[in-house]
Amino acid sequence: MKVLLIKSVEDLGLGGEVVDVADGYARNFLFPRNLAVKATPAAVNSAAVYRSKALREQARISAESQELADRLRKHIVEIKAAADDTGHLYGSVNERNISQSLKDAGFEIEIEQVLLGEHLKTTGEFPVPVKIYGDIRTDVTVRILPEEQE
């Protein structure tokens, strides 16, 4: 089904573009969220209006995302985990742990945005890539410290 995007949809297109999507995706996701309308000739004529709104929105989101990336780059996530004397963790630190630590620090970062190649299994400092929006990414420093043992 051909639809006209009203707002930009990540991995699909910018507002004002006519794209071809599956019927179910349009009916169940795009239309209920007011992200798109059916690409009728009248709707296509108003595409320029949607396009200009989408470009302004895209510029605002990109600026906010870049600011968030700059703040994240300076932030150090400290996670305490049970470890042996050599610094090897009994478990591992994963995307969920990092995302939750960032949320606790006031950053709205979801689990899917943490691009951890493999779980961290030793103490130390590690750069972990985080996807902010679109192609805006940054590395956040994760410091894993051993838990105090009694």
N, C-alpha and C. Protein backbone atom coordinates (compact mmCIF):
# COMPACT_ATOMS: atom_id res chain seq x y z
N MET A 1 0.85 -1.17 0.00
CA MET A 1 0.00 0.00 0.00
C MET A 1 0.89 1.23 0.00
N LYS A 2 0.58 2.18 -0.82
CA LYS A 2 1.33 3.43 -0.86
C LYS A 2 0.73 4.38 0.16
N VAL A 3 1.62 4.93 1.02
CA VAL A 3 1.18 5.88 2.05
C VAL A 3 2.06 7.13 1.98
N LEU A 4 1.48 8.23 2.44
CA LEU A 4 2.21 9.48 2.56
C LEU A 4 2.55 9.66 4.04
N LEU A 5 3.83 9.73 4.35
CA LEU A 5 4.23 9.90 5.74
C LEU A 5 3.94 11.32 6.19
N ILE A 6 3.23 11.45 7.30
CA ILE A 6 2.94 12.77 7.89
C ILE A 6 4.12 13.21 8.74
N LYS A 7 4.69 12.25 9.48
CA LYS A 7 5.85 12.51 10.33
C LYS A 7 6.95 11.54 9.91
N SER A 8 8.16 11.87 10.27
CA SER A 8 9.28 10.99 9.96
C SER A 8 9.18 9.72 10.79
N VAL A 9 9.46 8.60 10.16
CA VAL A 9 9.46 7.30 10.83
C VAL A 9 10.84 6.71 10.62
N GLU A 10 11.53 6.44 11.72
CA GLU A 10 12.89 5.91 11.63
C GLU A 10 12.90 4.61 10.83
N ASP A 11 13.86 4.44 9.99
CA ASP A 11 14.05 3.28 9.12
C ASP A 11 12.97 3.15 8.05
N LEU A 12 12.14 4.19 7.85
CA LEU A 12 11.13 4.15 6.80
C LEU A 12 11.23 5.36 5.88
N GLY A 13 11.25 6.57 6.45
CA GLY A 13 11.38 7.75 5.62
C GLY A 13 11.02 9.02 6.37
N LEU A 14 11.24 10.14 5.70
CA LEU A 14 10.91 11.46 6.26
C LEU A 14 9.47 11.81 5.96
N GLY A 15 8.92 12.69 6.78
CA GLY A 15 7.58 13.18 6.53
C GLY A 15 7.51 13.82 5.15
N GLY A 16 6.38 13.60 4.47
CA GLY A 16 6.21 14.15 3.13
C GLY A 16 6.61 13.19 2.04
N GLU A 17 7.21 12.06 2.38
CA GLU A 17 7.59 11.07 1.37
C GLU A 17 6.47 10.07 1.16
N VAL A 18 6.33 9.59 -0.05
CA VAL A 18 5.40 8.52 -0.37
C VAL A 18 6.20 7.23 -0.37
N VAL A 19 5.79 6.28 0.47
CA VAL A 19 6.50 5.01 0.58
C VAL A 19 5.52 3.86 0.42
N ASP A 20 6.04 2.72 0.04
CA ASP A 20 5.23 1.53 -0.14
C ASP A 20 5.46 0.63 1.07
N VAL A 21 4.39 0.30 1.80
CA VAL A 21 4.49 -0.53 3.00
C VAL A 21 3.44 -1.64 2.93
N ALA A 22 3.60 -2.62 3.79
CA ALA A 22 2.61 -3.69 3.88
C ALA A 22 1.29 -3.13 4.40
N ASP A 23 0.19 -3.70 3.92
CA ASP A 23 -1.13 -3.21 4.32
C ASP A 23 -1.32 -3.25 5.83
N GLY A 24 -0.93 -4.35 6.45
CA GLY A 24 -1.10 -4.49 7.90
C GLY A 24 -0.28 -3.49 8.68
N TYR A 25 0.93 -3.20 8.23
CA TYR A 25 1.78 -2.21 8.89
C TYR A 25 1.13 -0.83 8.83
N ALA A 26 0.55 -0.52 7.69
CA ALA A 26 -0.12 0.78 7.54
C ALA A 26 -1.35 0.84 8.45
N ARG A 27 -2.20 -0.17 8.38
CA ARG A 27 -3.46 -0.15 9.15
C ARG A 27 -3.24 -0.27 10.66
N ASN A 28 -2.28 -1.09 11.08
CA ASN A 28 -2.12 -1.38 12.50
C ASN A 28 -1.10 -0.51 13.22
N PHE A 29 -0.18 0.11 12.48
CA PHE A 29 0.85 0.91 13.13
C PHE A 29 0.83 2.37 12.68
N LEU A 30 0.96 2.60 11.38
CA LEU A 30 1.10 3.97 10.89
C LEU A 30 -0.17 4.80 11.04
N PHE A 31 -1.30 4.28 10.60
CA PHE A 31 -2.55 5.05 10.65
C PHE A 31 -3.01 5.34 12.08
N PRO A 32 -3.04 4.35 12.99
CA PRO A 32 -3.50 4.66 14.36
C PRO A 32 -2.63 5.68 15.09
N ARG A 33 -1.36 5.76 14.75
CA ARG A 33 -0.45 6.69 15.41
C ARG A 33 -0.34 8.02 14.67
N ASN A 34 -1.17 8.20 13.65
CA ASN A 34 -1.16 9.42 12.83
C ASN A 34 0.22 9.73 12.25
N LEU A 35 0.90 8.68 11.81
CA LEU A 35 2.21 8.84 11.18
C LEU A 35 2.10 8.90 9.67
N ALA A 36 0.97 8.42 9.12
CA ALA A 36 0.82 8.38 7.67
C ALA A 36 -0.65 8.42 7.30
N VAL A 37 -0.89 8.76 6.03
CA VAL A 37 -2.23 8.69 5.45
C VAL A 37 -2.10 7.96 4.12
N LYS A 38 -3.24 7.46 3.64
CA LYS A 38 -3.22 6.79 2.34
C LYS A 38 -2.81 7.80 1.27
N ALA A 39 -1.99 7.38 0.33
CA ALA A 39 -1.43 8.28 -0.68
C ALA A 39 -2.43 8.54 -1.79
N THR A 40 -3.43 9.36 -1.49
CA THR A 40 -4.40 9.77 -2.50
C THR A 40 -3.81 10.97 -3.25
N PRO A 41 -4.36 11.31 -4.42
CA PRO A 41 -3.84 12.49 -5.14
C PRO A 41 -3.93 13.78 -4.32
N ALA A 42 -5.00 13.94 -3.53
CA ALA A 42 -5.13 15.14 -2.71
C ALA A 42 -4.07 15.17 -1.61
N ALA A 43 -3.80 14.01 -1.02
CA ALA A 43 -2.79 13.94 0.04
C ALA A 43 -1.40 14.22 -0.52
N VAL A 44 -1.12 13.68 -1.69
CA VAL A 44 0.20 13.89 -2.31
C VAL A 44 0.43 15.37 -2.61
N ASN A 45 -0.65 16.09 -2.95
CA ASN A 45 -0.51 17.53 -3.21
C ASN A 45 -0.08 18.29 -1.96
N SER A 46 -0.44 17.80 -0.79
CA SER A 46 -0.06 18.48 0.46
C SER A 46 1.26 17.94 1.03
N ALA A 47 1.97 17.15 0.27
CA ALA A 47 3.21 16.55 0.74
C ALA A 47 4.25 17.59 1.13
N ALA A 48 4.29 18.72 0.43
CA ALA A 48 5.29 19.75 0.73
C ALA A 48 5.12 20.30 2.13
N VAL A 49 3.87 20.44 2.57
CA VAL A 49 3.61 20.92 3.93
C VAL A 49 4.15 19.93 4.95
N TYR A 50 3.84 18.64 4.75
CA TYR A 50 4.33 17.61 5.67
C TYR A 50 5.85 17.54 5.65
N ARG A 51 6.43 17.72 4.47
CA ARG A 51 7.88 17.65 4.33
C ARG A 51 8.56 18.76 5.12
N SER A 52 8.03 19.99 5.03
CA SER A 52 8.66 21.10 5.76
C SER A 52 8.52 20.92 7.27
N LYS A 53 7.36 20.44 7.72
CA LYS A 53 7.18 20.16 9.15
C LYS A 53 8.16 19.07 9.61
N ALA A 54 8.28 18.02 8.80
CA ALA A 54 9.17 16.91 9.15
C ALA A 54 10.62 17.36 9.21
N LEU A 55 11.04 18.22 8.30
CA LEU A 55 12.43 18.70 8.32
C LEU A 55 12.71 19.54 9.56
N ARG A 56 11.75 20.39 9.95
CA ARG A 56 11.92 21.17 11.18
C ARG A 56 11.99 20.25 12.40
N GLU A 57 11.11 19.26 12.44
CA GLU A 57 11.09 18.29 13.55
C GLU A 57 12.39 17.48 13.57
N GLN A 58 12.85 17.08 12.40
CA GLN A 58 14.10 16.32 12.29
C GLN A 58 15.28 17.13 12.80
N ALA A 59 15.32 18.41 12.48
CA ALA A 59 16.41 19.28 12.94
C ALA A 59 16.37 19.42 14.46
N ARG A 60 15.17 19.56 15.02
CA ARG A 60 15.03 19.68 16.48
C ARG A 60 15.48 18.39 17.17
N ILE A 61 15.02 17.26 16.66
CA ILE A 61 15.37 15.97 17.26
C ILE A 61 16.87 15.71 17.14
N SER A 62 17.46 16.05 16.01
CA SER A 62 18.90 15.85 15.82
C SER A 62 19.70 16.70 16.79
N ALA A 63 19.28 17.95 17.00
CA ALA A 63 19.98 18.82 17.94
C ALA A 63 19.87 18.28 19.36
N GLU A 64 18.68 17.83 19.75
CA GLU A 64 18.50 17.26 21.09
C GLU A 64 19.31 15.98 21.24
N SER A 65 19.33 15.16 20.20
CA SER A 65 20.07 13.90 20.25
C SER A 65 21.57 14.15 20.35
N GLN A 66 22.07 15.16 19.64
CA GLN A 66 23.49 15.48 19.70
C GLN A 66 23.86 15.98 21.09
N GLU A 67 22.97 16.78 21.69
CA GLU A 67 23.22 17.27 23.05
C GLU A 67 23.25 16.10 24.04
N LEU A 68 22.31 15.16 23.89
CA LEU A 68 22.29 13.97 24.74
C LEU A 68 23.55 13.15 24.55
N ALA A 69 24.01 13.01 23.31
CA ALA A 69 25.23 12.26 23.03
C ALA A 69 26.43 12.91 23.71
N ASP A 70 26.50 14.24 23.69
CA ASP A 70 27.60 14.95 24.34
C ASP A 70 27.57 14.74 25.86
N ARG A 71 26.37 14.76 26.45
CA ARG A 71 26.27 14.54 27.90
C ARG A 71 26.62 13.10 28.25
N LEU A 72 26.19 12.15 27.42
CA LEU A 72 26.49 10.74 27.69
C LEU A 72 27.98 10.46 27.58
N ARG A 73 28.65 11.10 26.63
CA ARG A 73 30.08 10.88 26.43
C ARG A 73 30.87 11.23 27.68
N LYS A 74 30.38 12.22 28.44
CA LYS A 74 31.08 12.66 29.65
C LYS A 74 30.69 11.85 30.89
N HIS A 75 29.61 11.06 30.78
CA HIS A 75 29.09 10.32 31.93
C HIS A 75 29.81 8.98 32.09
N ILE A 76 30.05 8.59 33.32
CA ILE A 76 30.66 7.29 33.61
C ILE A 76 29.63 6.47 34.39
N VAL A 77 29.31 5.30 33.85
CA VAL A 77 28.38 4.39 34.50
C VAL A 77 29.19 3.49 35.42
N GLU A 78 28.86 3.49 36.71
CA GLU A 78 29.54 2.60 37.65
C GLU A 78 28.58 1.49 38.06
N ILE A 79 29.04 0.26 37.87
CA ILE A 79 28.24 -0.91 38.23
C ILE A 79 29.08 -1.78 39.14
N LYS A 80 28.49 -2.16 40.27
CA LYS A 80 29.17 -3.08 41.19
C LYS A 80 28.65 -4.48 40.94
N ALA A 81 29.59 -5.43 40.84
CA ALA A 81 29.22 -6.81 40.56
C ALA A 81 30.13 -7.74 41.36
N ALA A 82 29.60 -8.91 41.67
CA ALA A 82 30.38 -9.91 42.41
C ALA A 82 31.50 -10.43 41.52
N ALA A 83 32.73 -10.40 42.06
CA ALA A 83 33.89 -10.83 41.28
C ALA A 83 34.87 -11.60 42.18
N ASP A 84 35.70 -12.42 41.56
CA ASP A 84 36.73 -13.12 42.31
C ASP A 84 37.95 -12.22 42.48
N ASP A 85 39.01 -12.74 43.08
CA ASP A 85 40.20 -11.94 43.36
C ASP A 85 40.92 -11.47 42.10
N THR A 86 40.75 -12.16 40.99
CA THR A 86 41.42 -11.78 39.75
C THR A 86 40.61 -10.78 38.93
N GLY A 87 39.41 -10.44 39.38
CA GLY A 87 38.59 -9.46 38.68
C GLY A 87 37.60 -10.07 37.71
N HIS A 88 37.51 -11.40 37.68
CA HIS A 88 36.54 -12.06 36.81
C HIS A 88 35.18 -12.08 37.51
N LEU A 89 34.15 -11.62 36.81
CA LEU A 89 32.82 -11.56 37.40
C LEU A 89 32.20 -12.95 37.49
N TYR A 90 31.41 -13.17 38.54
CA TYR A 90 30.68 -14.44 38.66
C TYR A 90 29.51 -14.47 37.68
N GLY A 91 29.00 -13.33 37.32
CA GLY A 91 27.95 -13.22 36.31
C GLY A 91 28.51 -12.40 35.17
N SER A 92 27.69 -11.51 34.65
CA SER A 92 28.16 -10.60 33.61
C SER A 92 27.31 -9.34 33.65
N VAL A 93 27.83 -8.29 33.04
CA VAL A 93 27.10 -7.03 32.91
C VAL A 93 26.58 -6.98 31.49
N ASN A 94 25.26 -6.78 31.36
CA ASN A 94 24.65 -6.80 30.03
C ASN A 94 23.96 -5.46 29.72
N GLU A 95 23.28 -5.43 28.58
CA GLU A 95 22.61 -4.22 28.12
C GLU A 95 21.59 -3.71 29.14
N ARG A 96 20.86 -4.64 29.76
CA ARG A 96 19.84 -4.28 30.74
C ARG A 96 20.47 -3.55 31.93
N ASN A 97 21.59 -4.04 32.43
CA ASN A 97 22.27 -3.40 33.56
C ASN A 97 22.71 -1.98 33.21
N ILE A 98 23.28 -1.83 32.03
CA ILE A 98 23.78 -0.52 31.59
C ILE A 98 22.62 0.44 31.37
N SER A 99 21.57 -0.02 30.72
CA SER A 99 20.39 0.81 30.47
C SER A 99 19.77 1.26 31.79
N GLN A 100 19.64 0.35 32.74
CA GLN A 100 19.04 0.70 34.03
C GLN A 100 19.91 1.70 34.79
N SER A 101 21.22 1.55 34.74
CA SER A 101 22.11 2.51 35.39
C SER A 101 21.99 3.89 34.75
N LEU A 102 21.85 3.93 33.44
CA LEU A 102 21.68 5.22 32.76
C LEU A 102 20.33 5.84 33.10
N LYS A 103 19.29 5.02 33.21
CA LYS A 103 17.97 5.54 33.62
C LYS A 103 18.02 6.09 35.03
N ASP A 104 18.72 5.39 35.92
CA ASP A 104 18.86 5.86 37.30
C ASP A 104 19.59 7.20 37.36
N ALA A 105 20.46 7.44 36.37
CA ALA A 105 21.22 8.70 36.32
C ALA A 105 20.44 9.80 35.58
N GLY A 106 19.23 9.48 35.09
CA GLY A 106 18.41 10.50 34.45
C GLY A 106 18.43 10.50 32.93
N PHE A 107 19.06 9.52 32.32
CA PHE A 107 19.09 9.41 30.86
C PHE A 107 18.02 8.42 30.41
N GLU A 108 17.26 8.78 29.40
CA GLU A 108 16.22 7.88 28.87
C GLU A 108 16.82 7.03 27.75
N ILE A 109 17.52 5.99 28.13
CA ILE A 109 18.14 5.08 27.18
C ILE A 109 17.52 3.70 27.37
N GLU A 110 16.95 3.18 26.28
CA GLU A 110 16.32 1.86 26.33
C GLU A 110 17.36 0.77 26.08
N ILE A 111 17.01 -0.45 26.43
CA ILE A 111 17.92 -1.59 26.30
C ILE A 111 18.41 -1.74 24.86
N GLU A 112 17.49 -1.54 23.89
CA GLU A 112 17.84 -1.73 22.49
C GLU A 112 18.87 -0.71 22.00
N GLN A 113 18.99 0.40 22.70
CA GLN A 113 19.92 1.44 22.27
C GLN A 113 21.35 1.15 22.71
N VAL A 114 21.54 0.27 23.68
CA VAL A 114 22.87 -0.10 24.15
C VAL A 114 23.40 -1.18 23.21
N LEU A 115 24.47 -0.86 22.50
CA LEU A 115 25.00 -1.75 21.45
C LEU A 115 26.22 -2.51 21.96
N LEU A 116 25.99 -3.35 22.93
CA LEU A 116 27.06 -4.12 23.55
C LEU A 116 27.32 -5.36 22.70
N GLY A 117 28.55 -5.52 22.22
CA GLY A 117 28.89 -6.66 21.38
C GLY A 117 28.78 -7.98 22.14
N GLU A 118 29.36 -8.02 23.31
CA GLU A 118 29.25 -9.20 24.17
C GLU A 118 29.23 -8.72 25.61
N HIS A 119 28.66 -9.52 26.48
CA HIS A 119 28.53 -9.13 27.87
C HIS A 119 29.90 -8.94 28.51
N LEU A 120 29.97 -8.00 29.43
CA LEU A 120 31.23 -7.69 30.10
C LEU A 120 31.40 -8.64 31.28
N LYS A 121 32.57 -9.28 31.38
CA LYS A 121 32.76 -10.34 32.36
C LYS A 121 33.94 -10.11 33.30
N THR A 122 34.55 -8.91 33.22
CA THR A 122 35.66 -8.60 34.11
C THR A 122 35.49 -7.18 34.65
N THR A 123 36.19 -6.90 35.73
CA THR A 123 36.16 -5.54 36.27
C THR A 123 37.03 -4.65 35.39
N GLY A 124 36.78 -3.36 35.45
CA GLY A 124 37.56 -2.41 34.66
C GLY A 124 36.66 -1.39 33.99
N GLU A 125 37.26 -0.62 33.07
CA GLU A 125 36.51 0.40 32.32
C GLU A 125 36.41 -0.03 30.87
N PHE A 126 35.21 0.14 30.32
CA PHE A 126 34.94 -0.28 28.95
C PHE A 126 34.14 0.80 28.22
N PRO A 127 34.51 1.12 26.97
CA PRO A 127 33.66 2.01 26.16
C PRO A 127 32.53 1.17 25.56
N VAL A 128 31.29 1.63 25.76
CA VAL A 128 30.13 0.90 25.24
C VAL A 128 29.37 1.83 24.30
N PRO A 129 29.17 1.42 23.04
CA PRO A 129 28.45 2.27 22.10
C PRO A 129 26.95 2.32 22.42
N VAL A 130 26.38 3.51 22.27
CA VAL A 130 24.95 3.72 22.50
C VAL A 130 24.38 4.45 21.29
N LYS A 131 23.29 3.93 20.75
CA LYS A 131 22.62 4.57 19.62
C LYS A 131 21.60 5.55 20.18
N ILE A 132 21.75 6.82 19.82
CA ILE A 132 20.85 7.85 20.34
C ILE A 132 19.64 7.98 19.42
N TYR A 133 19.87 8.34 18.17
CA TYR A 133 18.79 8.52 17.20
C TYR A 133 19.38 8.49 15.80
N GLY A 134 18.77 7.74 14.93
CA GLY A 134 19.27 7.67 13.56
C GLY A 134 20.71 7.18 13.54
N ASP A 135 21.60 7.99 12.98
CA ASP A 135 23.01 7.60 12.94
C ASP A 135 23.83 8.32 14.02
N ILE A 136 23.18 8.93 14.98
CA ILE A 136 23.89 9.59 16.09
C ILE A 136 24.18 8.55 17.16
N ARG A 137 25.46 8.30 17.36
CA ARG A 137 25.92 7.31 18.34
C ARG A 137 27.03 7.93 19.17
N THR A 138 27.21 7.38 20.36
CA THR A 138 28.30 7.82 21.22
C THR A 138 28.75 6.65 22.06
N ASP A 139 29.93 6.77 22.65
CA ASP A 139 30.42 5.77 23.58
C ASP A 139 30.23 6.28 24.99
N VAL A 140 29.70 5.43 25.86
CA VAL A 140 29.60 5.76 27.27
C VAL A 140 30.60 4.85 28.00
N THR A 141 31.26 5.41 28.99
CA THR A 141 32.25 4.63 29.74
C THR A 141 31.54 3.86 30.85
N VAL A 142 31.74 2.55 30.86
CA VAL A 142 31.17 1.69 31.89
C VAL A 142 32.32 1.21 32.77
N ARG A 143 32.23 1.55 34.05
CA ARG A 143 33.24 1.13 35.02
C ARG A 143 32.63 0.05 35.90
N ILE A 144 33.22 -1.14 35.86
CA ILE A 144 32.72 -2.25 36.65
C ILE A 144 33.65 -2.41 37.85
N LEU A 145 33.05 -2.32 39.03
CA LEU A 145 33.79 -2.42 40.27
C LEU A 145 33.37 -3.68 41.01
N PRO A 146 34.32 -4.30 41.73
CA PRO A 146 33.93 -5.49 42.51
C PRO A 146 33.10 -5.08 43.73
N GLU A 147 32.11 -5.90 44.06
CA GLU A 147 31.29 -5.63 45.24
C GLU A 147 32.15 -5.87 46.48
N GLU A 148 31.86 -5.09 47.51
CA GLU A 148 32.56 -5.28 48.78
C GLU A 148 32.09 -6.59 49.41
N GLN A 149 33.03 -7.43 49.78
CA GLN A 149 32.65 -8.72 50.39
C GLN A 149 32.82 -8.62 51.89
N GLU A 150 31.89 -9.26 52.59
CA GLU A 150 31.91 -9.19 54.05
C GLU A 150 32.68 -10.32 54.66
